[in-house]
N, C-alpha and C. Protein backbone atom coordinates (compact mmCIF):
# COMPACT_ATOMS: atom_id res chain seq x y z
N MET A 1 16.34 44.41 77.04
CA MET A 1 15.19 43.60 77.38
C MET A 1 14.74 43.96 78.77
N PRO A 2 13.43 44.25 78.97
CA PRO A 2 12.92 44.62 80.30
C PRO A 2 13.00 43.42 81.24
N GLN A 3 13.13 43.74 82.52
CA GLN A 3 13.22 42.68 83.52
C GLN A 3 11.88 41.95 83.62
N LYS A 4 11.98 40.64 83.73
CA LYS A 4 10.79 39.81 83.88
C LYS A 4 10.35 39.86 85.34
N ILE A 5 9.01 39.89 85.52
CA ILE A 5 8.44 39.97 86.87
C ILE A 5 7.37 38.85 87.00
N ALA A 6 7.31 38.28 88.14
CA ALA A 6 6.33 37.19 88.40
C ALA A 6 5.86 37.24 89.84
N THR A 7 4.70 36.69 90.06
CA THR A 7 4.17 36.50 91.39
C THR A 7 4.58 35.07 91.85
N TYR A 8 5.13 34.97 93.02
CA TYR A 8 5.58 33.66 93.56
C TYR A 8 4.87 33.48 94.89
N ILE A 9 4.07 32.46 94.99
CA ILE A 9 3.33 32.15 96.20
C ILE A 9 3.86 30.84 96.77
N GLY A 10 4.39 30.93 97.99
CA GLY A 10 4.94 29.76 98.66
C GLY A 10 4.25 29.56 99.99
N PHE A 11 4.72 28.52 100.71
CA PHE A 11 4.12 28.22 101.97
C PHE A 11 5.22 27.87 102.97
N GLY A 12 5.49 28.77 103.88
CA GLY A 12 6.48 28.49 104.93
C GLY A 12 7.88 28.35 104.40
N ASP A 13 8.70 27.57 105.10
CA ASP A 13 10.13 27.44 104.79
C ASP A 13 10.45 26.11 104.12
N ASP A 14 9.67 25.72 103.16
CA ASP A 14 9.93 24.49 102.43
C ASP A 14 11.25 24.58 101.65
N ASN A 15 12.15 23.67 101.87
CA ASN A 15 13.48 23.72 101.24
C ASN A 15 13.40 23.66 99.72
N GLN A 16 12.56 22.82 99.18
CA GLN A 16 12.49 22.68 97.72
C GLN A 16 11.94 23.97 97.09
N CYS A 17 10.92 24.58 97.72
CA CYS A 17 10.39 25.84 97.22
C CYS A 17 11.41 26.95 97.35
N THR A 18 12.16 26.97 98.40
CA THR A 18 13.22 27.97 98.59
C THR A 18 14.27 27.85 97.50
N GLU A 19 14.61 26.62 97.16
CA GLU A 19 15.57 26.39 96.08
C GLU A 19 15.07 26.89 94.74
N ILE A 20 13.80 26.62 94.44
CA ILE A 20 13.19 27.07 93.19
C ILE A 20 13.13 28.60 93.16
N ARG A 21 12.77 29.19 94.26
CA ARG A 21 12.72 30.65 94.33
C ARG A 21 14.08 31.28 94.04
N LYS A 22 15.13 30.71 94.63
CA LYS A 22 16.50 31.19 94.41
C LYS A 22 16.89 30.99 92.96
N PHE A 23 16.53 29.84 92.37
CA PHE A 23 16.81 29.54 90.98
C PHE A 23 16.23 30.63 90.07
N ILE A 24 15.00 31.00 90.31
CA ILE A 24 14.30 32.01 89.51
C ILE A 24 14.94 33.39 89.71
N GLU A 25 15.17 33.77 90.94
CA GLU A 25 15.74 35.10 91.23
C GLU A 25 17.18 35.18 90.69
N ASP A 26 17.95 34.11 90.78
CA ASP A 26 19.32 34.11 90.24
C ASP A 26 19.35 34.28 88.74
N ALA A 27 18.22 33.98 88.05
CA ALA A 27 18.12 34.19 86.60
C ALA A 27 17.79 35.64 86.29
N GLY A 28 17.63 36.48 87.30
CA GLY A 28 17.34 37.91 87.09
C GLY A 28 15.89 38.25 87.02
N ILE A 29 15.04 37.35 87.47
CA ILE A 29 13.58 37.57 87.42
C ILE A 29 13.15 38.09 88.80
N ARG A 30 12.45 39.20 88.77
CA ARG A 30 11.96 39.79 90.01
C ARG A 30 10.68 39.12 90.46
N LEU A 31 10.66 38.67 91.69
CA LEU A 31 9.49 37.95 92.21
C LEU A 31 8.78 38.79 93.27
N ASN A 32 7.47 38.89 93.14
CA ASN A 32 6.64 39.42 94.17
C ASN A 32 6.24 38.24 95.01
N PHE A 33 6.87 38.07 96.16
CA PHE A 33 6.75 36.88 96.98
C PHE A 33 5.63 37.06 98.02
N ARG A 34 4.89 35.97 98.21
CA ARG A 34 3.85 35.94 99.26
C ARG A 34 3.91 34.58 99.91
N ASP A 35 4.02 34.61 101.25
CA ASP A 35 4.05 33.36 102.03
C ASP A 35 2.65 33.14 102.56
N MET A 36 2.01 32.10 102.05
CA MET A 36 0.65 31.78 102.43
C MET A 36 0.52 31.38 103.91
N ALA A 37 1.62 30.94 104.52
CA ALA A 37 1.56 30.58 105.92
C ALA A 37 1.39 31.82 106.77
N LYS A 38 1.97 32.95 106.33
CA LYS A 38 1.89 34.19 107.09
C LYS A 38 0.80 35.14 106.59
N ASP A 39 0.53 35.08 105.29
CA ASP A 39 -0.40 36.00 104.66
C ASP A 39 -1.26 35.27 103.61
N PRO A 40 -2.25 34.50 104.09
CA PRO A 40 -3.08 33.72 103.17
C PRO A 40 -3.88 34.59 102.20
N LEU A 41 -4.18 34.05 101.04
CA LEU A 41 -4.99 34.74 100.07
C LEU A 41 -6.45 34.68 100.47
N SER A 42 -7.19 35.70 100.15
CA SER A 42 -8.65 35.71 100.39
C SER A 42 -9.30 34.86 99.30
N VAL A 43 -10.57 34.58 99.46
CA VAL A 43 -11.33 33.83 98.47
C VAL A 43 -11.26 34.53 97.12
N ARG A 44 -11.45 35.85 97.15
CA ARG A 44 -11.39 36.61 95.89
C ARG A 44 -10.02 36.55 95.23
N GLU A 45 -8.96 36.70 96.03
CA GLU A 45 -7.60 36.63 95.50
C GLU A 45 -7.33 35.23 94.93
N LEU A 46 -7.77 34.19 95.61
CA LEU A 46 -7.59 32.85 95.08
C LEU A 46 -8.33 32.67 93.75
N ASP A 47 -9.54 33.14 93.67
CA ASP A 47 -10.32 33.04 92.45
C ASP A 47 -9.63 33.75 91.31
N LEU A 48 -9.12 34.96 91.55
CA LEU A 48 -8.43 35.69 90.50
C LEU A 48 -7.13 35.02 90.10
N LEU A 49 -6.39 34.51 91.06
CA LEU A 49 -5.12 33.86 90.78
C LEU A 49 -5.30 32.57 89.96
N LEU A 50 -6.23 31.76 90.36
CA LEU A 50 -6.42 30.46 89.74
C LEU A 50 -7.24 30.52 88.49
N GLY A 51 -7.95 31.62 88.30
CA GLY A 51 -8.70 31.82 87.09
C GLY A 51 -9.73 30.71 86.84
N HIS A 52 -9.86 30.36 85.58
CA HIS A 52 -10.81 29.33 85.19
C HIS A 52 -10.21 27.94 85.17
N ASN A 53 -8.98 27.80 85.66
CA ASN A 53 -8.33 26.48 85.70
C ASN A 53 -9.01 25.58 86.70
N PRO A 54 -9.05 24.27 86.43
CA PRO A 54 -9.65 23.37 87.41
C PRO A 54 -8.90 23.39 88.72
N LEU A 55 -9.60 23.42 89.83
CA LEU A 55 -8.94 23.50 91.14
C LEU A 55 -8.14 22.23 91.46
N THR A 56 -8.52 21.11 90.82
CA THR A 56 -7.79 19.86 91.06
C THR A 56 -6.32 19.99 90.66
N TYR A 57 -6.01 20.90 89.77
CA TYR A 57 -4.64 21.14 89.36
C TYR A 57 -3.81 21.73 90.51
N PHE A 58 -4.48 22.45 91.41
CA PHE A 58 -3.78 23.19 92.48
C PHE A 58 -3.89 22.54 93.87
N VAL A 59 -4.87 21.70 94.05
CA VAL A 59 -5.10 21.08 95.37
C VAL A 59 -4.14 19.90 95.56
N ASN A 60 -3.54 19.87 96.76
CA ASN A 60 -2.57 18.84 97.10
C ASN A 60 -3.26 17.65 97.73
N PRO A 61 -3.37 16.52 97.02
CA PRO A 61 -4.05 15.34 97.55
C PRO A 61 -3.31 14.67 98.72
N THR A 62 -2.06 15.06 98.94
CA THR A 62 -1.31 14.44 100.06
C THR A 62 -1.38 15.30 101.34
N ALA A 63 -2.06 16.44 101.26
CA ALA A 63 -2.25 17.28 102.46
C ALA A 63 -3.16 16.58 103.43
N LYS A 64 -2.83 16.70 104.71
CA LYS A 64 -3.67 16.02 105.79
C LYS A 64 -5.10 16.47 105.70
N GLU A 65 -5.35 17.74 105.46
CA GLU A 65 -6.71 18.29 105.43
C GLU A 65 -7.52 17.73 104.25
N TYR A 66 -6.83 17.33 103.19
CA TYR A 66 -7.51 16.81 102.01
C TYR A 66 -8.33 15.55 102.35
N LYS A 67 -7.69 14.60 102.99
CA LYS A 67 -8.36 13.37 103.36
C LYS A 67 -9.35 13.61 104.49
N LYS A 68 -8.93 14.46 105.45
CA LYS A 68 -9.82 14.79 106.60
C LYS A 68 -11.13 15.36 106.13
N GLN A 69 -11.09 16.21 105.09
CA GLN A 69 -12.31 16.85 104.58
C GLN A 69 -13.10 15.91 103.64
N GLY A 70 -12.49 14.74 103.31
CA GLY A 70 -13.17 13.80 102.44
C GLY A 70 -13.04 14.14 100.97
N PHE A 71 -12.09 14.99 100.62
CA PHE A 71 -11.91 15.37 99.22
C PHE A 71 -11.40 14.23 98.36
N ASP A 72 -10.89 13.18 98.97
CA ASP A 72 -10.47 12.02 98.21
C ASP A 72 -11.70 11.28 97.66
N LYS A 73 -12.87 11.53 98.23
CA LYS A 73 -14.10 10.91 97.77
C LYS A 73 -14.90 11.86 96.87
N GLN A 74 -15.00 13.11 97.32
CA GLN A 74 -15.78 14.11 96.56
C GLN A 74 -15.36 15.52 96.97
N GLN A 75 -15.25 16.38 95.98
CA GLN A 75 -14.93 17.78 96.28
C GLN A 75 -16.19 18.63 96.09
N PRO A 76 -16.29 19.67 96.94
CA PRO A 76 -17.45 20.58 96.82
C PRO A 76 -17.36 21.42 95.54
N GLU A 77 -18.41 22.17 95.32
CA GLU A 77 -18.41 23.11 94.18
C GLU A 77 -17.28 24.12 94.32
N ARG A 78 -16.93 24.76 93.24
CA ARG A 78 -15.77 25.64 93.16
C ARG A 78 -15.77 26.71 94.25
N GLN A 79 -16.84 27.46 94.40
CA GLN A 79 -16.89 28.56 95.37
C GLN A 79 -16.65 28.07 96.81
N GLU A 80 -17.30 26.97 97.16
CA GLU A 80 -17.12 26.42 98.50
C GLU A 80 -15.66 25.91 98.67
N MET A 81 -15.11 25.33 97.62
CA MET A 81 -13.74 24.84 97.71
C MET A 81 -12.76 26.00 97.88
N LEU A 82 -13.00 27.11 97.20
CA LEU A 82 -12.15 28.30 97.37
C LEU A 82 -12.22 28.81 98.81
N GLU A 83 -13.39 28.76 99.39
CA GLU A 83 -13.56 29.20 100.80
C GLU A 83 -12.78 28.27 101.75
N ILE A 84 -12.84 27.00 101.48
CA ILE A 84 -12.10 26.01 102.29
C ILE A 84 -10.59 26.22 102.15
N ILE A 85 -10.15 26.46 100.92
CA ILE A 85 -8.71 26.68 100.70
C ILE A 85 -8.24 27.97 101.39
N ALA A 86 -9.09 29.00 101.35
CA ALA A 86 -8.71 30.26 102.01
C ALA A 86 -8.53 30.05 103.49
N ASP A 87 -9.31 29.16 104.09
CA ASP A 87 -9.17 28.84 105.53
C ASP A 87 -8.07 27.83 105.81
N ASN A 88 -7.70 27.03 104.80
CA ASN A 88 -6.69 25.99 104.93
C ASN A 88 -5.68 26.06 103.78
N PRO A 89 -4.81 27.09 103.73
CA PRO A 89 -3.94 27.26 102.59
C PRO A 89 -2.97 26.09 102.37
N GLY A 90 -2.76 25.25 103.36
CA GLY A 90 -1.96 24.06 103.20
C GLY A 90 -2.51 23.05 102.21
N LEU A 91 -3.76 23.26 101.77
CA LEU A 91 -4.38 22.36 100.80
C LEU A 91 -3.81 22.57 99.40
N LEU A 92 -3.13 23.66 99.18
CA LEU A 92 -2.62 23.94 97.82
C LEU A 92 -1.23 23.31 97.64
N LYS A 93 -0.93 23.05 96.37
CA LYS A 93 0.43 22.66 95.97
C LYS A 93 1.24 23.98 95.84
N TYR A 94 2.52 23.89 96.15
CA TYR A 94 3.38 25.05 96.12
C TYR A 94 4.67 24.75 95.40
N PRO A 95 5.32 25.76 94.87
CA PRO A 95 4.88 27.16 94.74
C PRO A 95 3.90 27.32 93.59
N ILE A 96 3.16 28.40 93.64
CA ILE A 96 2.35 28.83 92.52
C ILE A 96 3.07 30.05 91.94
N ILE A 97 3.36 29.96 90.66
CA ILE A 97 4.13 31.03 90.00
C ILE A 97 3.30 31.55 88.83
N LYS A 98 3.13 32.89 88.79
CA LYS A 98 2.27 33.48 87.77
C LYS A 98 2.97 34.68 87.13
N THR A 99 2.98 34.67 85.82
CA THR A 99 3.41 35.84 85.06
C THR A 99 2.16 36.48 84.49
N ALA A 100 2.34 37.47 83.65
CA ALA A 100 1.20 38.15 83.05
C ALA A 100 0.34 37.18 82.21
N ARG A 101 1.00 36.18 81.62
CA ARG A 101 0.24 35.28 80.72
C ARG A 101 0.28 33.81 81.12
N LEU A 102 1.19 33.42 82.00
CA LEU A 102 1.38 32.03 82.29
C LEU A 102 1.25 31.75 83.78
N LEU A 103 0.92 30.51 84.10
CA LEU A 103 0.75 30.08 85.48
C LEU A 103 1.23 28.66 85.59
N THR A 104 2.03 28.38 86.61
CA THR A 104 2.45 27.01 86.87
C THR A 104 2.46 26.74 88.40
N VAL A 105 2.42 25.48 88.74
CA VAL A 105 2.41 25.09 90.13
C VAL A 105 3.41 23.98 90.31
N GLY A 106 4.12 24.00 91.43
CA GLY A 106 5.06 22.94 91.72
C GLY A 106 6.52 23.34 91.46
N CYS A 107 7.40 22.39 91.75
CA CYS A 107 8.84 22.66 91.70
C CYS A 107 9.54 22.03 90.50
N ASN A 108 8.84 21.90 89.39
CA ASN A 108 9.42 21.29 88.20
C ASN A 108 10.27 22.31 87.46
N LYS A 109 11.59 22.18 87.60
CA LYS A 109 12.53 23.14 87.01
C LYS A 109 12.39 23.24 85.48
N GLU A 110 12.08 22.13 84.87
CA GLU A 110 11.93 22.14 83.41
C GLU A 110 10.77 23.03 83.00
N LYS A 111 9.62 22.89 83.63
CA LYS A 111 8.48 23.73 83.31
C LYS A 111 8.73 25.20 83.67
N ILE A 112 9.39 25.42 84.79
CA ILE A 112 9.70 26.79 85.19
C ILE A 112 10.69 27.40 84.25
N SER A 113 11.69 26.65 83.83
CA SER A 113 12.68 27.14 82.87
C SER A 113 12.02 27.51 81.57
N GLU A 114 11.07 26.68 81.09
CA GLU A 114 10.37 26.98 79.88
C GLU A 114 9.49 28.22 80.03
N MET A 115 8.84 28.32 81.18
CA MET A 115 7.96 29.45 81.44
C MET A 115 8.71 30.79 81.34
N PHE A 116 9.89 30.82 81.94
CA PHE A 116 10.67 32.08 81.95
C PHE A 116 11.72 32.18 80.85
N GLN A 117 11.77 31.13 79.99
CA GLN A 117 12.74 31.11 78.91
C GLN A 117 14.17 31.22 79.44
N ILE A 118 14.44 30.41 80.44
CA ILE A 118 15.81 30.31 81.02
C ILE A 118 16.25 28.86 80.91
N ASP A 119 17.54 28.65 80.88
CA ASP A 119 18.01 27.26 80.84
C ASP A 119 18.04 26.70 82.25
N ARG A 120 18.34 25.45 82.35
CA ARG A 120 18.27 24.78 83.66
C ARG A 120 19.33 25.28 84.63
N ASN A 121 20.29 26.06 84.11
CA ASN A 121 21.31 26.65 84.99
C ASN A 121 20.89 28.05 85.43
N GLY A 122 19.70 28.51 84.97
CA GLY A 122 19.19 29.79 85.39
C GLY A 122 19.60 30.96 84.50
N ASN A 123 20.15 30.68 83.29
CA ASN A 123 20.56 31.72 82.36
C ASN A 123 19.38 32.00 81.39
N GLN A 124 19.11 33.30 81.15
CA GLN A 124 18.01 33.65 80.28
C GLN A 124 18.38 33.33 78.85
N ASN A 125 17.42 32.73 78.13
CA ASN A 125 17.58 32.44 76.72
C ASN A 125 17.01 33.60 75.92
N ASN A 126 17.55 33.84 74.76
CA ASN A 126 17.00 34.88 73.90
C ASN A 126 15.92 34.34 72.98
N GLU A 127 15.78 33.02 72.94
CA GLU A 127 14.77 32.43 72.10
C GLU A 127 13.72 31.79 72.97
N ILE A 128 12.54 31.63 72.40
CA ILE A 128 11.48 30.93 73.07
C ILE A 128 11.76 29.45 72.97
N SER A 129 11.57 28.72 74.10
CA SER A 129 11.84 27.30 74.09
C SER A 129 11.06 26.61 72.98
N GLY A 130 11.78 25.77 72.25
CA GLY A 130 11.11 25.03 71.19
C GLY A 130 11.07 25.83 69.89
N ASN A 131 11.71 26.97 69.80
CA ASN A 131 11.69 27.78 68.62
C ASN A 131 12.57 27.17 67.54
N ARG A 132 11.97 26.83 66.41
CA ARG A 132 12.68 26.23 65.31
C ARG A 132 12.34 27.01 64.05
N GLY A 133 13.38 27.43 63.37
CA GLY A 133 13.16 28.11 62.08
C GLY A 133 12.35 29.39 62.20
N GLY A 134 12.46 30.07 63.33
CA GLY A 134 11.78 31.33 63.53
C GLY A 134 10.28 31.20 63.87
N LYS A 135 9.77 29.97 63.95
CA LYS A 135 8.37 29.79 64.31
C LYS A 135 8.24 29.60 65.80
N ILE A 136 7.25 30.18 66.40
CA ILE A 136 7.02 30.09 67.82
C ILE A 136 6.24 28.79 68.07
N ASN A 137 6.70 27.99 68.99
CA ASN A 137 6.01 26.79 69.41
C ASN A 137 4.95 27.19 70.41
N ARG A 138 3.71 27.24 69.98
CA ARG A 138 2.58 27.71 70.80
C ARG A 138 2.41 26.83 72.06
N ARG A 139 2.72 25.54 71.93
CA ARG A 139 2.56 24.64 73.07
C ARG A 139 3.46 25.09 74.25
N SER A 140 4.64 25.64 73.96
CA SER A 140 5.53 26.08 75.00
C SER A 140 5.02 27.32 75.72
N LEU A 141 4.04 28.01 75.08
CA LEU A 141 3.50 29.23 75.70
C LEU A 141 2.24 28.98 76.45
N SER A 142 1.68 27.77 76.37
CA SER A 142 0.38 27.52 77.00
C SER A 142 0.53 27.30 78.50
N LYS A 143 -0.57 27.49 79.21
CA LYS A 143 -0.57 27.22 80.67
C LYS A 143 -0.48 25.74 80.87
N ARG A 144 0.24 25.37 81.90
CA ARG A 144 0.39 23.93 82.22
C ARG A 144 -0.03 23.73 83.63
């Protein structure tokens, strides 16, 4: 089986994100790591990464800048919001993890385990999560 590869975008030295990164790497998954604190994404890179997903899924409402910008009352149009995020990467939830087909955000080990088909101990499964009777559970393959 070929080695699994994913993009992992974190922010600084957050302990919980570091633990999740180690969990994924210990399962044998190669991560292309990017620290947004040191190397922020451009507007174009953010747009490509987040795709057509709603930005509200990725924006952190507990970030200081969120309330300061008034986003708790109203958010600007997508393009303007991407520009604001590019200038203030702390507005995003972390980590953002992307494979060729899937994307997840946050430190939820259960979702990450399902995404990479590994158990909660970091061991790779040979079956797709939720596989019963040889049928693929499409819900387990969808973006969350």
